[in-house]
């Protein structure tokens, strides 16, 4: 073995502890800038998705309300028809004659009462005050 070979066989322990990295302020600013831009883009994307979701919800709600309104209009139409049927004079007359055993009045038994219209009020200057 030669002296040159011996030197390479010794393992040199090199400690890098005293080496301190400098903080790269420009790189940190660039990193924060890109983080803010990315955060802004994510915020815009989330806001857009939220608007789309709310728009879909309102569309479904509008459709549901239109269906409910159509159903209510159909029920209203049926009820009005039933009211008209139940209040028809012919039906009322048939019930009065058949179930209640009423009879139509003869011309001699009916009395016509004259409708008297109320007189106009007296003027204020004519009426005595207390």
N, C-alpha and C. Protein backbone atom coordinates (compact mmCIF):
# COMPACT_ATOMS: atom_id res chain seq x y z
N UNK A 1 0.82 -1.18 0.00
CA UNK A 1 0.00 0.00 0.00
C UNK A 1 0.86 1.24 0.00
N UNK A 2 0.46 2.10 -0.79
CA UNK A 2 1.23 3.34 -0.88
C UNK A 2 0.58 4.40 0.00
N UNK A 3 1.26 5.47 0.18
CA UNK A 3 0.74 6.54 1.03
C UNK A 3 -0.45 7.25 0.39
N UNK A 4 -0.53 7.21 -0.90
CA UNK A 4 -1.65 7.85 -1.60
C UNK A 4 -2.91 7.02 -1.38
N UNK A 5 -2.80 5.74 -1.42
CA UNK A 5 -3.95 4.88 -1.21
C UNK A 5 -4.46 4.98 0.23
N UNK A 6 -3.56 5.16 1.13
CA UNK A 6 -3.91 5.24 2.52
C UNK A 6 -4.79 6.46 2.81
N UNK A 7 -4.50 7.52 2.13
CA UNK A 7 -5.24 8.76 2.36
C UNK A 7 -6.70 8.61 1.96
N UNK A 8 -6.95 7.87 0.94
CA UNK A 8 -8.32 7.69 0.49
C UNK A 8 -9.07 6.70 1.34
N UNK A 9 -8.39 5.90 2.05
CA UNK A 9 -9.06 4.92 2.88
C UNK A 9 -9.57 5.53 4.18
N UNK A 10 -9.03 6.61 4.57
CA UNK A 10 -9.49 7.26 5.79
C UNK A 10 -10.79 7.98 5.47
N UNK A 11 -11.72 7.69 6.28
CA UNK A 11 -13.02 8.32 6.06
C UNK A 11 -13.02 9.64 6.80
N UNK A 12 -13.23 10.67 6.06
CA UNK A 12 -13.23 11.98 6.68
C UNK A 12 -14.67 12.33 7.08
N UNK A 13 -14.84 12.70 8.30
CA UNK A 13 -16.16 13.07 8.81
C UNK A 13 -16.32 14.58 8.64
N UNK A 14 -17.16 14.95 7.71
CA UNK A 14 -17.39 16.37 7.44
C UNK A 14 -18.75 16.73 8.01
N UNK A 15 -18.76 17.67 8.88
CA UNK A 15 -20.01 18.11 9.49
C UNK A 15 -20.43 19.42 8.84
N UNK A 16 -21.69 19.44 8.44
CA UNK A 16 -22.24 20.63 7.78
C UNK A 16 -23.08 21.48 8.74
N UNK A 17 -23.00 21.19 9.99
CA UNK A 17 -23.80 21.93 10.96
C UNK A 17 -23.53 23.43 10.95
N UNK A 18 -22.33 23.83 10.86
CA UNK A 18 -22.12 25.29 10.91
C UNK A 18 -22.60 26.01 9.65
N UNK A 19 -22.96 25.27 8.60
CA UNK A 19 -23.43 25.93 7.38
C UNK A 19 -24.87 26.35 7.60
N UNK A 20 -25.17 27.63 7.41
CA UNK A 20 -26.51 28.18 7.61
C UNK A 20 -27.01 28.70 6.27
N UNK A 21 -28.21 28.27 5.93
CA UNK A 21 -28.79 28.75 4.67
C UNK A 21 -29.37 30.14 4.88
N UNK A 22 -29.20 30.95 3.90
CA UNK A 22 -29.81 32.28 3.96
C UNK A 22 -31.26 32.17 3.50
N UNK A 23 -32.11 32.98 4.11
CA UNK A 23 -33.51 33.00 3.72
C UNK A 23 -33.61 33.84 2.46
N UNK A 24 -34.23 33.25 1.44
CA UNK A 24 -34.38 33.97 0.17
C UNK A 24 -35.71 34.72 0.20
N UNK A 25 -35.66 35.99 0.51
CA UNK A 25 -36.88 36.80 0.65
C UNK A 25 -37.63 36.94 -0.67
N UNK A 26 -36.92 37.02 -1.75
CA UNK A 26 -37.57 37.14 -3.05
C UNK A 26 -38.35 35.86 -3.38
N UNK A 27 -37.77 34.72 -3.06
CA UNK A 27 -38.47 33.46 -3.31
C UNK A 27 -39.70 33.34 -2.41
N UNK A 28 -39.61 33.79 -1.18
CA UNK A 28 -40.77 33.75 -0.28
C UNK A 28 -41.88 34.66 -0.78
N UNK A 29 -41.52 35.86 -1.24
CA UNK A 29 -42.53 36.77 -1.79
C UNK A 29 -43.21 36.15 -3.01
N UNK A 30 -42.41 35.53 -3.85
CA UNK A 30 -42.98 34.88 -5.04
C UNK A 30 -43.90 33.72 -4.64
N UNK A 31 -43.49 32.95 -3.65
CA UNK A 31 -44.31 31.85 -3.16
C UNK A 31 -45.64 32.38 -2.61
N UNK A 32 -45.59 33.42 -1.79
CA UNK A 32 -46.83 33.99 -1.25
C UNK A 32 -47.71 34.58 -2.34
N UNK A 33 -47.09 35.20 -3.34
CA UNK A 33 -47.85 35.76 -4.45
C UNK A 33 -48.62 34.65 -5.19
N UNK A 34 -47.94 33.54 -5.46
CA UNK A 34 -48.60 32.43 -6.15
C UNK A 34 -49.66 31.77 -5.27
N UNK A 35 -49.41 31.73 -3.96
CA UNK A 35 -50.42 31.20 -3.05
C UNK A 35 -51.67 32.08 -3.06
N UNK A 36 -51.49 33.40 -3.05
CA UNK A 36 -52.64 34.31 -3.10
C UNK A 36 -53.39 34.20 -4.42
N UNK A 37 -52.66 34.10 -5.52
CA UNK A 37 -53.31 33.95 -6.82
C UNK A 37 -54.08 32.63 -6.86
N UNK A 38 -53.47 31.56 -6.39
CA UNK A 38 -54.17 30.27 -6.36
C UNK A 38 -55.38 30.31 -5.45
N UNK A 39 -55.26 30.93 -4.27
CA UNK A 39 -56.39 31.06 -3.36
C UNK A 39 -57.52 31.87 -3.99
N UNK A 40 -57.16 32.94 -4.69
CA UNK A 40 -58.17 33.76 -5.37
C UNK A 40 -58.90 32.95 -6.44
N UNK A 41 -58.15 32.18 -7.22
CA UNK A 41 -58.77 31.36 -8.27
C UNK A 41 -59.68 30.28 -7.67
N UNK A 42 -59.24 29.67 -6.57
CA UNK A 42 -60.09 28.67 -5.91
C UNK A 42 -61.34 29.34 -5.37
N UNK A 43 -61.20 30.55 -4.80
CA UNK A 43 -62.37 31.29 -4.31
C UNK A 43 -63.35 31.61 -5.42
N UNK A 44 -62.84 32.05 -6.57
CA UNK A 44 -63.71 32.34 -7.71
C UNK A 44 -64.41 31.08 -8.18
N UNK A 45 -63.69 29.98 -8.22
CA UNK A 45 -64.28 28.71 -8.64
C UNK A 45 -65.37 28.26 -7.67
N UNK A 46 -65.12 28.36 -6.37
CA UNK A 46 -66.12 27.98 -5.38
C UNK A 46 -67.34 28.89 -5.44
N UNK A 47 -67.12 30.19 -5.63
CA UNK A 47 -68.24 31.13 -5.73
C UNK A 47 -69.09 30.82 -6.95
N UNK A 48 -68.45 30.51 -8.07
CA UNK A 48 -69.17 30.17 -9.29
C UNK A 48 -69.97 28.87 -9.11
N UNK A 49 -69.36 27.88 -8.46
CA UNK A 49 -70.07 26.62 -8.22
C UNK A 49 -71.25 26.85 -7.27
N UNK A 50 -71.06 27.70 -6.28
CA UNK A 50 -72.15 28.01 -5.34
C UNK A 50 -73.31 28.68 -6.06
N UNK A 51 -73.00 29.65 -6.93
CA UNK A 51 -74.06 30.32 -7.69
C UNK A 51 -74.81 29.33 -8.57
N UNK A 52 -74.09 28.44 -9.22
CA UNK A 52 -74.72 27.45 -10.08
C UNK A 52 -75.63 26.53 -9.25
N UNK A 53 -75.17 26.12 -8.09
CA UNK A 53 -75.96 25.25 -7.22
C UNK A 53 -77.23 25.96 -6.76
N UNK A 54 -77.12 27.22 -6.36
CA UNK A 54 -78.28 27.99 -5.91
C UNK A 54 -79.26 28.18 -7.07
N UNK A 55 -78.74 28.42 -8.26
CA UNK A 55 -79.60 28.58 -9.44
C UNK A 55 -80.38 27.29 -9.71
N UNK A 56 -79.72 26.16 -9.60
CA UNK A 56 -80.42 24.89 -9.78
C UNK A 56 -81.49 24.68 -8.71
N UNK A 57 -81.17 25.03 -7.46
CA UNK A 57 -82.16 24.90 -6.39
C UNK A 57 -83.39 25.76 -6.67
N UNK A 58 -83.17 26.99 -7.12
CA UNK A 58 -84.30 27.88 -7.42
C UNK A 58 -85.12 27.34 -8.59
N UNK A 59 -84.44 26.75 -9.57
CA UNK A 59 -85.16 26.15 -10.69
C UNK A 59 -86.06 25.00 -10.24
N UNK A 60 -85.52 24.14 -9.39
CA UNK A 60 -86.33 23.03 -8.88
C UNK A 60 -87.49 23.54 -8.04
N UNK A 61 -87.24 24.57 -7.23
CA UNK A 61 -88.29 25.13 -6.39
C UNK A 61 -89.39 25.76 -7.25
N UNK A 62 -88.99 26.46 -8.31
CA UNK A 62 -89.97 27.08 -9.21
C UNK A 62 -90.83 26.01 -9.89
N UNK A 63 -90.19 24.95 -10.33
CA UNK A 63 -90.94 23.86 -10.99
C UNK A 63 -91.92 23.21 -10.02
N UNK A 64 -91.47 22.98 -8.78
CA UNK A 64 -92.34 22.38 -7.77
C UNK A 64 -93.54 23.29 -7.47
N UNK A 65 -93.29 24.60 -7.37
CA UNK A 65 -94.37 25.53 -7.09
C UNK A 65 -95.36 25.63 -8.26
N UNK A 66 -94.86 25.53 -9.49
CA UNK A 66 -95.76 25.55 -10.64
C UNK A 66 -96.66 24.32 -10.65
N UNK A 67 -96.10 23.18 -10.32
CA UNK A 67 -96.91 21.95 -10.26
C UNK A 67 -97.94 22.07 -9.14
N UNK A 68 -97.52 22.57 -7.99
CA UNK A 68 -98.45 22.75 -6.87
C UNK A 68 -99.55 23.74 -7.22
N UNK A 69 -99.21 24.81 -7.92
CA UNK A 69 -100.21 25.80 -8.32
C UNK A 69 -101.23 25.18 -9.28
N UNK A 70 -100.76 24.37 -10.23
CA UNK A 70 -101.67 23.72 -11.17
C UNK A 70 -102.63 22.78 -10.41
N UNK A 71 -102.10 22.06 -9.42
CA UNK A 71 -102.95 21.18 -8.63
C UNK A 71 -103.99 21.98 -7.85
N UNK A 72 -103.58 23.09 -7.25
CA UNK A 72 -104.50 23.93 -6.49
C UNK A 72 -105.56 24.57 -7.39
N UNK A 73 -105.17 24.95 -8.59
CA UNK A 73 -106.15 25.51 -9.53
C UNK A 73 -107.18 24.46 -9.93
N UNK A 74 -106.74 23.20 -10.10
CA UNK A 74 -107.67 22.12 -10.43
C UNK A 74 -108.65 21.88 -9.27
N UNK A 75 -108.11 21.88 -8.04
CA UNK A 75 -108.98 21.72 -6.86
C UNK A 75 -109.96 22.88 -6.77
N UNK A 76 -109.48 24.10 -7.02
CA UNK A 76 -110.33 25.28 -6.98
C UNK A 76 -111.45 25.18 -8.02
N UNK A 77 -111.11 24.72 -9.22
CA UNK A 77 -112.12 24.58 -10.28
C UNK A 77 -113.20 23.57 -9.87
N UNK A 78 -112.76 22.45 -9.28
CA UNK A 78 -113.73 21.43 -8.84
C UNK A 78 -114.62 21.96 -7.73
N UNK A 79 -114.03 22.68 -6.78
CA UNK A 79 -114.83 23.23 -5.68
C UNK A 79 -115.83 24.28 -6.16
N UNK A 80 -115.41 25.13 -7.09
CA UNK A 80 -116.35 26.12 -7.63
C UNK A 80 -117.52 25.43 -8.35
N UNK A 81 -117.20 24.38 -9.10
CA UNK A 81 -118.25 23.63 -9.78
C UNK A 81 -119.20 23.01 -8.76
N UNK A 82 -118.65 22.48 -7.68
CA UNK A 82 -119.49 21.89 -6.64
C UNK A 82 -120.36 22.95 -5.96
N UNK A 83 -119.80 24.13 -5.72
CA UNK A 83 -120.59 25.22 -5.12
C UNK A 83 -121.73 25.62 -6.04
N UNK A 84 -121.41 25.76 -7.31
CA UNK A 84 -122.46 26.14 -8.28
C UNK A 84 -123.55 25.07 -8.34
N UNK A 85 -123.14 23.80 -8.27
CA UNK A 85 -124.12 22.71 -8.30
C UNK A 85 -124.98 22.73 -7.04
N UNK A 86 -124.36 22.92 -5.89
CA UNK A 86 -125.10 22.88 -4.62
C UNK A 86 -126.01 24.10 -4.43
N UNK A 87 -125.67 25.23 -5.01
CA UNK A 87 -126.49 26.43 -4.81
C UNK A 87 -127.43 26.71 -5.96
N UNK A 88 -127.58 25.77 -6.87
CA UNK A 88 -128.49 26.02 -7.99
C UNK A 88 -129.94 26.07 -7.47
N UNK A 89 -130.74 27.01 -7.95
CA UNK A 89 -132.12 27.16 -7.47
C UNK A 89 -132.96 25.90 -7.69
N UNK A 90 -132.76 25.18 -8.78
CA UNK A 90 -133.53 23.98 -9.07
C UNK A 90 -133.27 22.92 -8.00
N UNK A 91 -132.02 22.73 -7.61
CA UNK A 91 -131.66 21.75 -6.59
C UNK A 91 -132.27 22.15 -5.25
N UNK A 92 -132.16 23.42 -4.90
CA UNK A 92 -132.73 23.89 -3.62
C UNK A 92 -134.24 23.68 -3.60
N UNK A 93 -134.89 23.95 -4.72
CA UNK A 93 -136.34 23.75 -4.80
C UNK A 93 -136.70 22.28 -4.66
N UNK A 94 -135.95 21.40 -5.32
CA UNK A 94 -136.21 19.96 -5.21
C UNK A 94 -136.03 19.47 -3.77
N UNK A 95 -135.00 19.93 -3.08
CA UNK A 95 -134.78 19.53 -1.69
C UNK A 95 -135.91 20.05 -0.81
N UNK A 96 -136.35 21.29 -1.03
CA UNK A 96 -137.43 21.87 -0.22
C UNK A 96 -138.73 21.09 -0.41
N UNK A 97 -139.01 20.70 -1.62
CA UNK A 97 -140.27 20.00 -1.88
C UNK A 97 -140.19 18.55 -1.41
N UNK A 98 -139.10 17.82 -1.77
CA UNK A 98 -139.01 16.39 -1.47
C UNK A 98 -138.69 16.11 0.00
N UNK A 99 -137.63 16.69 0.52
CA UNK A 99 -137.18 16.34 1.87
C UNK A 99 -137.87 17.15 2.95
N UNK A 100 -138.11 18.41 2.72
CA UNK A 100 -138.69 19.27 3.75
C UNK A 100 -140.21 19.38 3.64
N UNK A 101 -140.77 18.79 2.62
CA UNK A 101 -142.23 18.78 2.39
C UNK A 101 -142.83 20.19 2.34
N UNK A 102 -142.12 21.08 1.72
CA UNK A 102 -142.63 22.44 1.53
C UNK A 102 -143.43 22.48 0.24
N UNK A 103 -144.32 23.46 0.16
CA UNK A 103 -145.10 23.63 -1.06
C UNK A 103 -144.92 25.06 -1.55
N UNK A 104 -145.06 25.21 -2.84
CA UNK A 104 -144.95 26.55 -3.41
C UNK A 104 -146.18 27.36 -2.99
N UNK A 105 -146.03 28.62 -2.63
CA UNK A 105 -147.19 29.42 -2.20
C UNK A 105 -148.11 29.71 -3.37
N UNK A 106 -149.39 29.72 -3.08
CA UNK A 106 -150.36 30.08 -4.13
C UNK A 106 -150.40 31.60 -4.23
N UNK A 107 -150.86 32.10 -5.36
CA UNK A 107 -150.86 33.56 -5.54
C UNK A 107 -151.70 34.29 -4.49
N UNK A 108 -152.73 33.67 -3.95
CA UNK A 108 -153.58 34.35 -2.98
C UNK A 108 -152.99 34.40 -1.59
N UNK A 109 -152.09 33.48 -1.26
CA UNK A 109 -151.53 33.43 0.09
C UNK A 109 -150.26 34.25 0.26
N UNK A 110 -149.70 34.66 -0.81
CA UNK A 110 -148.45 35.41 -0.68
C UNK A 110 -148.75 36.90 -0.54
N UNK A 111 -148.00 37.55 0.29
CA UNK A 111 -148.14 38.98 0.55
C UNK A 111 -146.86 39.66 0.12
N UNK A 112 -147.02 40.69 -0.67
CA UNK A 112 -145.87 41.46 -1.12
C UNK A 112 -145.69 42.63 -0.19
N UNK A 113 -144.55 42.74 0.41
CA UNK A 113 -144.25 43.85 1.31
C UNK A 113 -143.52 44.91 0.51
N UNK A 114 -144.00 46.12 0.67
CA UNK A 114 -143.42 47.23 -0.07
C UNK A 114 -142.10 47.63 0.57
N UNK A 115 -141.11 47.80 -0.24
CA UNK A 115 -139.80 48.20 0.26
C UNK A 115 -139.78 49.71 0.38
N UNK A 116 -139.49 50.18 1.57
CA UNK A 116 -139.44 51.62 1.82
C UNK A 116 -137.98 52.03 1.85
N UNK A 117 -137.67 53.03 1.06
CA UNK A 117 -136.31 53.53 1.03
C UNK A 117 -136.12 54.52 2.16
N UNK A 118 -135.02 54.49 2.85
CA UNK A 118 -134.80 55.43 3.93
C UNK A 118 -134.68 56.85 3.39
N UNK A 119 -135.18 57.81 4.17
CA UNK A 119 -135.11 59.20 3.76
C UNK A 119 -133.70 59.72 3.92
N UNK A 120 -133.43 60.75 3.16
CA UNK A 120 -132.11 61.36 3.25
C UNK A 120 -131.98 62.05 4.60
N UNK A 121 -130.82 62.08 5.15
CA UNK A 121 -130.61 62.73 6.44
C UNK A 121 -130.80 64.23 6.32
N UNK A 122 -131.24 64.78 7.38
CA UNK A 122 -131.42 66.24 7.41
C UNK A 122 -130.07 66.91 7.45
N UNK A 123 -130.04 68.11 6.90
CA UNK A 123 -128.78 68.85 6.90
C UNK A 123 -128.39 69.18 8.33
N UNK A 124 -127.13 69.41 8.56
CA UNK A 124 -126.63 69.65 9.89
C UNK A 124 -127.14 70.95 10.47
N UNK A 125 -127.34 71.97 9.62
CA UNK A 125 -127.79 73.24 10.16
C UNK A 125 -129.26 73.22 10.54
N UNK A 126 -130.02 72.21 10.09
CA UNK A 126 -131.43 72.09 10.43
C UNK A 126 -131.60 71.33 11.75
N UNK A 127 -130.71 70.40 12.02
CA UNK A 127 -130.82 69.57 13.21
C UNK A 127 -130.36 70.37 14.43
N UNK A 128 -131.14 70.29 15.49
CA UNK A 128 -130.79 71.01 16.72
C UNK A 128 -129.65 70.29 17.41
N UNK A 129 -128.80 71.07 17.97
CA UNK A 129 -127.68 70.48 18.70
C UNK A 129 -127.96 70.54 20.18
N UNK A 130 -127.42 69.69 20.97
CA UNK A 130 -127.68 69.64 22.40
C UNK A 130 -126.68 70.45 23.17
